[in-house]
N, C-alpha and C. Protein backbone atom coordinates (compact mmCIF):
# COMPACT_ATOMS: atom_id res chain seq x y z
N MET A 1 7.99 36.46 15.24
CA MET A 1 8.51 35.15 15.58
C MET A 1 7.53 34.05 15.17
N LYS A 2 6.26 34.27 15.51
CA LYS A 2 5.23 33.29 15.19
C LYS A 2 5.10 33.11 13.67
N ARG A 3 5.15 34.25 12.94
CA ARG A 3 5.03 34.20 11.48
C ARG A 3 6.22 33.47 10.85
N SER A 4 7.41 33.73 11.35
CA SER A 4 8.59 33.07 10.77
C SER A 4 8.56 31.58 11.06
N LEU A 5 8.06 31.18 12.22
CA LEU A 5 7.94 29.76 12.54
C LEU A 5 6.94 29.08 11.61
N LEU A 6 5.80 29.74 11.38
CA LEU A 6 4.80 29.20 10.45
C LEU A 6 5.35 29.13 9.03
N PHE A 7 6.12 30.14 8.62
CA PHE A 7 6.72 30.14 7.29
C PHE A 7 7.69 28.96 7.15
N LEU A 8 8.54 28.76 8.15
CA LEU A 8 9.51 27.65 8.09
C LEU A 8 8.81 26.30 8.07
N LEU A 9 7.76 26.16 8.86
CA LEU A 9 7.00 24.92 8.87
C LEU A 9 6.36 24.68 7.51
N GLY A 10 5.73 25.70 6.95
CA GLY A 10 5.10 25.57 5.63
C GLY A 10 6.11 25.26 4.55
N ALA A 11 7.27 25.91 4.57
CA ALA A 11 8.30 25.67 3.56
C ALA A 11 8.84 24.26 3.66
N SER A 12 9.03 23.76 4.89
CA SER A 12 9.55 22.40 5.02
C SER A 12 8.53 21.38 4.54
N LEU A 13 7.24 21.64 4.76
CA LEU A 13 6.21 20.74 4.25
C LEU A 13 6.19 20.74 2.72
N LEU A 14 6.30 21.89 2.12
CA LEU A 14 6.34 21.98 0.66
C LEU A 14 7.54 21.24 0.09
N LEU A 15 8.68 21.41 0.70
CA LEU A 15 9.88 20.74 0.21
C LEU A 15 9.79 19.24 0.39
N SER A 16 9.21 18.79 1.49
CA SER A 16 9.12 17.34 1.70
C SER A 16 8.14 16.72 0.72
N CYS A 17 7.12 17.47 0.31
CA CYS A 17 6.16 16.94 -0.66
C CYS A 17 6.69 17.01 -2.08
N ALA A 18 7.71 17.79 -2.32
CA ALA A 18 8.22 17.97 -3.66
C ALA A 18 9.12 16.82 -4.11
N LYS A 19 9.55 15.97 -3.19
CA LYS A 19 10.41 14.87 -3.57
C LYS A 19 9.63 13.86 -4.41
N ASN A 20 10.25 13.27 -5.37
CA ASN A 20 9.63 12.29 -6.23
C ASN A 20 10.29 10.94 -5.97
N SER A 21 10.26 10.50 -4.72
CA SER A 21 10.91 9.25 -4.34
C SER A 21 10.14 8.05 -4.89
N THR A 22 10.85 7.09 -5.41
CA THR A 22 10.22 5.88 -5.91
C THR A 22 10.98 4.67 -5.41
N TYR A 23 10.33 3.52 -5.48
CA TYR A 23 10.92 2.28 -5.02
C TYR A 23 11.07 1.34 -6.21
N PRO A 24 12.20 0.67 -6.33
CA PRO A 24 12.42 -0.23 -7.46
C PRO A 24 11.67 -1.55 -7.30
N ALA A 25 11.54 -2.27 -8.41
CA ALA A 25 10.98 -3.62 -8.35
C ALA A 25 11.81 -4.41 -7.36
N GLY A 26 11.15 -5.22 -6.53
CA GLY A 26 11.85 -6.00 -5.54
C GLY A 26 11.84 -5.38 -4.16
N TYR A 27 11.50 -4.08 -4.06
CA TYR A 27 11.42 -3.42 -2.76
C TYR A 27 10.34 -4.11 -1.94
N CYS A 28 10.61 -4.40 -0.67
CA CYS A 28 9.65 -5.10 0.18
C CYS A 28 9.15 -4.19 1.29
N PHE A 29 7.85 -4.00 1.36
CA PHE A 29 7.22 -3.21 2.41
C PHE A 29 6.70 -4.16 3.47
N LYS A 30 6.86 -3.80 4.75
CA LYS A 30 6.41 -4.64 5.85
C LYS A 30 5.50 -3.84 6.76
N ARG A 31 4.41 -4.47 7.19
CA ARG A 31 3.52 -3.86 8.18
C ARG A 31 3.17 -4.92 9.22
N GLU A 32 3.33 -4.56 10.48
CA GLU A 32 2.96 -5.46 11.56
C GLU A 32 1.70 -4.92 12.22
N VAL A 33 0.75 -5.82 12.50
CA VAL A 33 -0.50 -5.43 13.12
C VAL A 33 -0.75 -6.35 14.31
N ASN A 34 -1.02 -5.74 15.47
CA ASN A 34 -1.34 -6.51 16.66
C ASN A 34 -2.85 -6.73 16.69
N ILE A 35 -3.27 -7.94 16.39
CA ILE A 35 -4.69 -8.28 16.35
C ILE A 35 -5.10 -8.79 17.73
N ILE A 36 -6.06 -8.10 18.31
CA ILE A 36 -6.59 -8.50 19.61
C ILE A 36 -7.98 -9.10 19.44
N ASP A 37 -8.80 -8.45 18.60
CA ASP A 37 -10.19 -8.86 18.38
C ASP A 37 -10.27 -9.89 17.26
N THR A 38 -10.41 -11.16 17.63
CA THR A 38 -10.53 -12.21 16.61
C THR A 38 -11.99 -12.49 16.25
N ALA A 39 -12.92 -11.84 16.93
CA ALA A 39 -14.34 -12.01 16.61
C ALA A 39 -14.81 -11.01 15.56
N GLY A 40 -14.07 -9.90 15.42
CA GLY A 40 -14.46 -8.86 14.48
C GLY A 40 -14.06 -9.19 13.05
N TYR A 41 -14.70 -8.49 12.12
CA TYR A 41 -14.40 -8.63 10.70
C TYR A 41 -13.49 -7.49 10.26
N TYR A 42 -12.60 -7.78 9.31
CA TYR A 42 -11.64 -6.79 8.82
C TYR A 42 -11.63 -6.76 7.30
N ASN A 43 -11.23 -5.61 6.76
CA ASN A 43 -10.99 -5.45 5.33
C ASN A 43 -9.52 -5.11 5.14
N ILE A 44 -8.90 -5.74 4.15
CA ILE A 44 -7.49 -5.47 3.84
C ILE A 44 -7.41 -4.97 2.41
N ALA A 45 -6.73 -3.85 2.23
CA ALA A 45 -6.53 -3.28 0.89
C ALA A 45 -5.04 -3.07 0.67
N ILE A 46 -4.65 -3.06 -0.59
CA ILE A 46 -3.28 -2.72 -1.00
C ILE A 46 -3.37 -1.36 -1.68
N PHE A 47 -2.46 -0.46 -1.32
CA PHE A 47 -2.45 0.84 -1.99
C PHE A 47 -1.07 1.09 -2.58
N THR A 48 -1.05 1.86 -3.65
CA THR A 48 0.21 2.24 -4.29
C THR A 48 0.10 3.65 -4.81
N ARG A 49 1.19 4.36 -4.73
CA ARG A 49 1.30 5.71 -5.31
C ARG A 49 2.26 5.59 -6.50
N PHE A 50 1.74 5.89 -7.69
CA PHE A 50 2.52 5.80 -8.92
C PHE A 50 2.96 7.18 -9.38
N PRO A 51 4.18 7.30 -9.91
CA PRO A 51 4.54 8.56 -10.58
C PRO A 51 3.69 8.68 -11.85
N ASP A 52 3.42 9.89 -12.29
CA ASP A 52 2.59 10.08 -13.47
C ASP A 52 3.21 9.51 -14.74
N THR A 53 4.48 9.10 -14.67
CA THR A 53 5.15 8.50 -15.82
C THR A 53 4.99 6.99 -15.87
N TYR A 54 4.33 6.39 -14.88
CA TYR A 54 4.15 4.93 -14.85
C TYR A 54 3.29 4.51 -16.03
N SER A 55 3.77 3.59 -16.84
CA SER A 55 3.06 3.26 -18.09
C SER A 55 2.58 1.81 -18.18
N LYS A 56 2.79 1.03 -17.16
CA LYS A 56 2.38 -0.38 -17.21
C LYS A 56 0.87 -0.52 -17.01
N ASP A 57 0.31 -1.61 -17.53
CA ASP A 57 -1.12 -1.88 -17.36
C ASP A 57 -1.41 -2.64 -16.08
N TYR A 58 -0.39 -3.31 -15.53
CA TYR A 58 -0.56 -4.11 -14.33
C TYR A 58 0.60 -3.89 -13.38
N LEU A 59 0.34 -4.11 -12.10
CA LEU A 59 1.38 -4.12 -11.09
C LEU A 59 1.42 -5.54 -10.54
N ASN A 60 2.54 -6.21 -10.75
CA ASN A 60 2.71 -7.58 -10.27
C ASN A 60 3.36 -7.53 -8.89
N VAL A 61 2.69 -8.15 -7.91
CA VAL A 61 3.21 -8.14 -6.55
C VAL A 61 3.10 -9.53 -5.93
N ILE A 62 3.91 -9.73 -4.91
CA ILE A 62 3.79 -10.91 -4.06
C ILE A 62 3.44 -10.41 -2.66
N VAL A 63 2.40 -10.98 -2.09
CA VAL A 63 1.98 -10.65 -0.73
C VAL A 63 2.30 -11.86 0.14
N ASP A 64 3.03 -11.63 1.22
CA ASP A 64 3.32 -12.66 2.21
C ASP A 64 2.68 -12.26 3.52
N ILE A 65 2.04 -13.22 4.17
CA ILE A 65 1.45 -12.99 5.48
C ILE A 65 2.03 -14.01 6.43
N VAL A 66 2.60 -13.52 7.54
CA VAL A 66 3.15 -14.40 8.56
C VAL A 66 2.26 -14.29 9.78
N VAL A 67 1.69 -15.42 10.19
CA VAL A 67 0.78 -15.44 11.34
C VAL A 67 1.60 -15.49 12.64
N PRO A 68 0.97 -15.14 13.77
CA PRO A 68 1.72 -15.08 15.03
C PRO A 68 2.45 -16.38 15.39
N GLU A 69 1.93 -17.51 15.03
CA GLU A 69 2.59 -18.78 15.37
C GLU A 69 3.70 -19.15 14.40
N GLY A 70 3.92 -18.32 13.35
CA GLY A 70 5.04 -18.52 12.44
C GLY A 70 4.70 -19.05 11.06
N GLY A 71 3.47 -19.51 10.83
CA GLY A 71 3.10 -19.99 9.50
C GLY A 71 3.12 -18.85 8.49
N ARG A 72 3.38 -19.20 7.23
CA ARG A 72 3.49 -18.17 6.18
C ARG A 72 2.56 -18.53 5.02
N TYR A 73 1.86 -17.51 4.53
CA TYR A 73 0.98 -17.66 3.37
C TYR A 73 1.41 -16.63 2.33
N ALA A 74 1.31 -17.01 1.06
CA ALA A 74 1.75 -16.09 0.00
C ALA A 74 0.73 -16.07 -1.14
N ASP A 75 0.58 -14.91 -1.75
CA ASP A 75 -0.25 -14.72 -2.95
C ASP A 75 0.58 -13.97 -3.98
N THR A 76 0.46 -14.38 -5.22
CA THR A 76 1.03 -13.63 -6.34
C THR A 76 -0.14 -12.96 -7.04
N LEU A 77 -0.11 -11.64 -7.15
CA LEU A 77 -1.23 -10.88 -7.68
C LEU A 77 -0.82 -10.05 -8.89
N LYS A 78 -1.74 -9.93 -9.83
CA LYS A 78 -1.57 -9.06 -10.99
C LYS A 78 -2.67 -7.99 -10.87
N LEU A 79 -2.29 -6.83 -10.33
CA LEU A 79 -3.25 -5.77 -10.03
C LEU A 79 -3.41 -4.83 -11.23
N PRO A 80 -4.64 -4.62 -11.70
CA PRO A 80 -4.83 -3.74 -12.85
C PRO A 80 -4.55 -2.27 -12.51
N VAL A 81 -3.83 -1.61 -13.40
CA VAL A 81 -3.52 -0.19 -13.21
C VAL A 81 -4.24 0.57 -14.32
N HIS A 82 -5.56 0.60 -14.22
CA HIS A 82 -6.38 1.33 -15.19
C HIS A 82 -7.04 2.46 -14.43
N PHE A 83 -6.54 3.64 -14.58
CA PHE A 83 -7.08 4.77 -13.85
C PHE A 83 -8.48 5.07 -14.36
N GLY A 84 -9.40 5.16 -13.44
CA GLY A 84 -10.79 5.39 -13.80
C GLY A 84 -11.60 4.11 -13.81
N ASN A 85 -10.94 2.97 -13.62
CA ASN A 85 -11.61 1.68 -13.57
C ASN A 85 -12.38 1.58 -12.26
N SER A 86 -13.61 1.12 -12.32
CA SER A 86 -14.41 1.03 -11.09
C SER A 86 -13.98 -0.14 -10.21
N ALA A 87 -13.09 -1.01 -10.70
CA ALA A 87 -12.63 -2.15 -9.90
C ALA A 87 -11.68 -1.72 -8.79
N ASN A 88 -11.18 -0.52 -8.85
CA ASN A 88 -10.29 -0.02 -7.80
C ASN A 88 -10.59 1.45 -7.57
N GLU A 89 -10.10 1.96 -6.45
CA GLU A 89 -10.27 3.37 -6.16
C GLU A 89 -8.99 4.09 -6.55
N TRP A 90 -9.12 5.26 -7.16
CA TRP A 90 -7.92 5.98 -7.60
C TRP A 90 -8.12 7.48 -7.46
N VAL A 91 -7.00 8.16 -7.32
CA VAL A 91 -6.97 9.62 -7.22
C VAL A 91 -5.78 10.11 -8.02
N TYR A 92 -5.99 11.13 -8.84
CA TYR A 92 -4.88 11.73 -9.59
C TYR A 92 -4.51 13.02 -8.88
N ALA A 93 -3.24 13.14 -8.49
CA ALA A 93 -2.81 14.32 -7.74
C ALA A 93 -1.47 14.83 -8.27
N GLY A 94 -1.50 15.59 -9.33
CA GLY A 94 -0.27 16.17 -9.87
C GLY A 94 0.65 15.11 -10.43
N ARG A 95 1.84 14.98 -9.84
CA ARG A 95 2.82 14.01 -10.31
C ARG A 95 2.52 12.59 -9.88
N TRP A 96 1.52 12.40 -9.03
CA TRP A 96 1.23 11.08 -8.47
C TRP A 96 -0.18 10.63 -8.81
N ARG A 97 -0.34 9.32 -8.93
CA ARG A 97 -1.65 8.70 -9.07
C ARG A 97 -1.74 7.62 -8.00
N ASP A 98 -2.72 7.70 -7.15
CA ASP A 98 -2.88 6.75 -6.05
C ASP A 98 -3.98 5.76 -6.42
N ILE A 99 -3.70 4.48 -6.17
CA ILE A 99 -4.70 3.44 -6.41
C ILE A 99 -4.79 2.55 -5.19
N LYS A 100 -6.02 2.12 -4.88
CA LYS A 100 -6.28 1.20 -3.78
C LYS A 100 -7.09 0.03 -4.31
N TRP A 101 -6.61 -1.18 -4.05
CA TRP A 101 -7.31 -2.40 -4.45
C TRP A 101 -7.78 -3.14 -3.21
N SER A 102 -8.96 -3.71 -3.26
CA SER A 102 -9.43 -4.57 -2.18
C SER A 102 -8.67 -5.89 -2.28
N TYR A 103 -8.00 -6.29 -1.22
CA TYR A 103 -7.27 -7.56 -1.21
C TYR A 103 -8.13 -8.66 -0.58
N ARG A 104 -8.63 -8.44 0.61
CA ARG A 104 -9.52 -9.37 1.29
C ARG A 104 -10.56 -8.55 2.04
N GLY A 105 -11.81 -8.98 1.97
CA GLY A 105 -12.87 -8.25 2.66
C GLY A 105 -13.68 -9.17 3.56
N GLY A 106 -14.09 -8.64 4.70
CA GLY A 106 -14.93 -9.39 5.63
C GLY A 106 -14.27 -10.62 6.21
N ILE A 107 -13.00 -10.50 6.54
CA ILE A 107 -12.29 -11.66 7.08
C ILE A 107 -12.17 -11.57 8.60
N LYS A 108 -11.96 -12.71 9.23
CA LYS A 108 -11.66 -12.77 10.66
C LYS A 108 -10.25 -13.32 10.80
N PHE A 109 -9.49 -12.74 11.72
CA PHE A 109 -8.16 -13.28 12.01
C PHE A 109 -8.35 -14.45 12.97
N SER A 110 -7.67 -15.55 12.69
CA SER A 110 -7.89 -16.80 13.42
C SER A 110 -7.33 -16.81 14.84
N ILE A 111 -6.22 -16.10 15.05
CA ILE A 111 -5.62 -16.07 16.39
C ILE A 111 -5.13 -14.66 16.70
N PRO A 112 -5.12 -14.28 17.98
CA PRO A 112 -4.61 -12.96 18.34
C PRO A 112 -3.08 -12.95 18.28
N GLY A 113 -2.53 -11.76 18.19
CA GLY A 113 -1.08 -11.61 18.18
C GLY A 113 -0.61 -10.73 17.05
N ILE A 114 0.71 -10.72 16.82
CA ILE A 114 1.32 -9.88 15.78
C ILE A 114 1.27 -10.62 14.44
N TRP A 115 0.53 -10.04 13.51
CA TRP A 115 0.46 -10.53 12.13
C TRP A 115 1.37 -9.65 11.30
N LYS A 116 2.18 -10.27 10.45
CA LYS A 116 3.13 -9.52 9.61
C LYS A 116 2.70 -9.62 8.15
N PHE A 117 2.58 -8.46 7.52
CA PHE A 117 2.17 -8.37 6.12
C PHE A 117 3.33 -7.79 5.31
N TYR A 118 3.68 -8.46 4.22
CA TYR A 118 4.75 -8.01 3.34
C TYR A 118 4.19 -7.90 1.93
N VAL A 119 4.61 -6.90 1.19
CA VAL A 119 4.27 -6.81 -0.22
C VAL A 119 5.51 -6.33 -0.97
N ARG A 120 5.77 -6.96 -2.09
CA ARG A 120 6.89 -6.54 -2.92
C ARG A 120 6.49 -6.61 -4.39
N GLN A 121 6.97 -5.64 -5.12
CA GLN A 121 6.70 -5.58 -6.55
C GLN A 121 7.64 -6.54 -7.26
N ILE A 122 7.11 -7.28 -8.22
CA ILE A 122 7.94 -8.14 -9.04
C ILE A 122 7.79 -7.70 -10.49
N ALA A 123 8.83 -7.85 -11.24
CA ALA A 123 8.79 -7.49 -12.65
C ALA A 123 9.08 -8.73 -13.48
N GLU A 124 8.28 -8.93 -14.52
CA GLU A 124 8.54 -10.06 -15.41
C GLU A 124 9.90 -9.91 -16.08
N VAL A 125 10.21 -8.69 -16.42
CA VAL A 125 11.51 -8.34 -16.98
C VAL A 125 12.03 -7.19 -16.15
N GLU A 126 13.24 -7.29 -15.64
CA GLU A 126 13.80 -6.21 -14.83
C GLU A 126 13.95 -4.98 -15.72
N ASP A 127 13.05 -4.02 -15.54
CA ASP A 127 13.02 -2.87 -16.44
C ASP A 127 13.16 -1.53 -15.71
N GLY A 128 13.43 -1.59 -14.43
CA GLY A 128 13.58 -0.35 -13.69
C GLY A 128 12.26 0.33 -13.36
N THR A 129 11.12 -0.33 -13.62
CA THR A 129 9.82 0.26 -13.31
C THR A 129 9.73 0.50 -11.82
N ARG A 130 9.33 1.70 -11.46
CA ARG A 130 9.28 2.06 -10.05
C ARG A 130 7.89 2.56 -9.67
N THR A 131 7.55 2.30 -8.43
CA THR A 131 6.33 2.86 -7.87
C THR A 131 6.74 3.85 -6.78
N GLY A 132 5.78 4.63 -6.33
CA GLY A 132 6.00 5.45 -5.14
C GLY A 132 5.75 4.57 -3.94
N GLU A 133 4.93 5.02 -3.03
CA GLU A 133 4.63 4.24 -1.84
C GLU A 133 3.85 2.98 -2.21
N ILE A 134 3.99 1.96 -1.39
CA ILE A 134 3.20 0.75 -1.53
C ILE A 134 2.97 0.23 -0.13
N GLY A 135 1.79 -0.30 0.14
CA GLY A 135 1.52 -0.78 1.49
C GLY A 135 0.12 -1.34 1.65
N PHE A 136 -0.29 -1.50 2.91
CA PHE A 136 -1.58 -2.09 3.26
C PHE A 136 -2.41 -1.10 4.04
N ILE A 137 -3.73 -1.23 3.88
CA ILE A 137 -4.69 -0.55 4.74
C ILE A 137 -5.52 -1.67 5.36
N ILE A 138 -5.48 -1.76 6.68
CA ILE A 138 -6.22 -2.81 7.40
C ILE A 138 -7.17 -2.11 8.34
N GLU A 139 -8.48 -2.33 8.10
CA GLU A 139 -9.51 -1.64 8.87
C GLU A 139 -10.57 -2.62 9.34
N LYS A 140 -11.16 -2.31 10.49
CA LYS A 140 -12.29 -3.10 10.95
C LYS A 140 -13.47 -2.83 10.03
N ASP A 141 -14.21 -3.87 9.71
CA ASP A 141 -15.38 -3.76 8.85
C ASP A 141 -16.55 -3.33 9.72
N GLY A 142 -16.98 -2.09 9.59
CA GLY A 142 -18.07 -1.56 10.41
C GLY A 142 -19.45 -1.95 9.93
N LYS A 143 -19.55 -2.70 8.83
CA LYS A 143 -20.85 -3.06 8.26
C LYS A 143 -21.39 -4.37 8.82
N ARG A 144 -20.57 -5.11 9.54
CA ARG A 144 -21.00 -6.43 10.03
C ARG A 144 -21.26 -6.39 11.51
């Protein structure tokens, strides 16, 4: 019984990892973060998982940040997709290539509350270019 349960669990994990799901240009990812510590420093990174067939040199995105009081800030970014470039961190894993870019480092959030982060891929020409996962990594800066 125990062996069959482990087998089923392992098989379901393998099957879930075998999917090659991608998101089209225009897909919007949202992350909400409840900021309590406004005295601490934080680092924000953008990460993306690309299929190994991704051939573009850049990933064009729009980042929107909505502060707890409702104000909105936006950035349009052209992120380099050069695997092996020291300007970003990357990992090649079979059908996927993961890249992480530093977006903002050593920042303080001005007010406590729910901060909303959005990122969406934009294409200069609608070409069906797709990425895998896209999102944010928000961590306290332990160096300060």
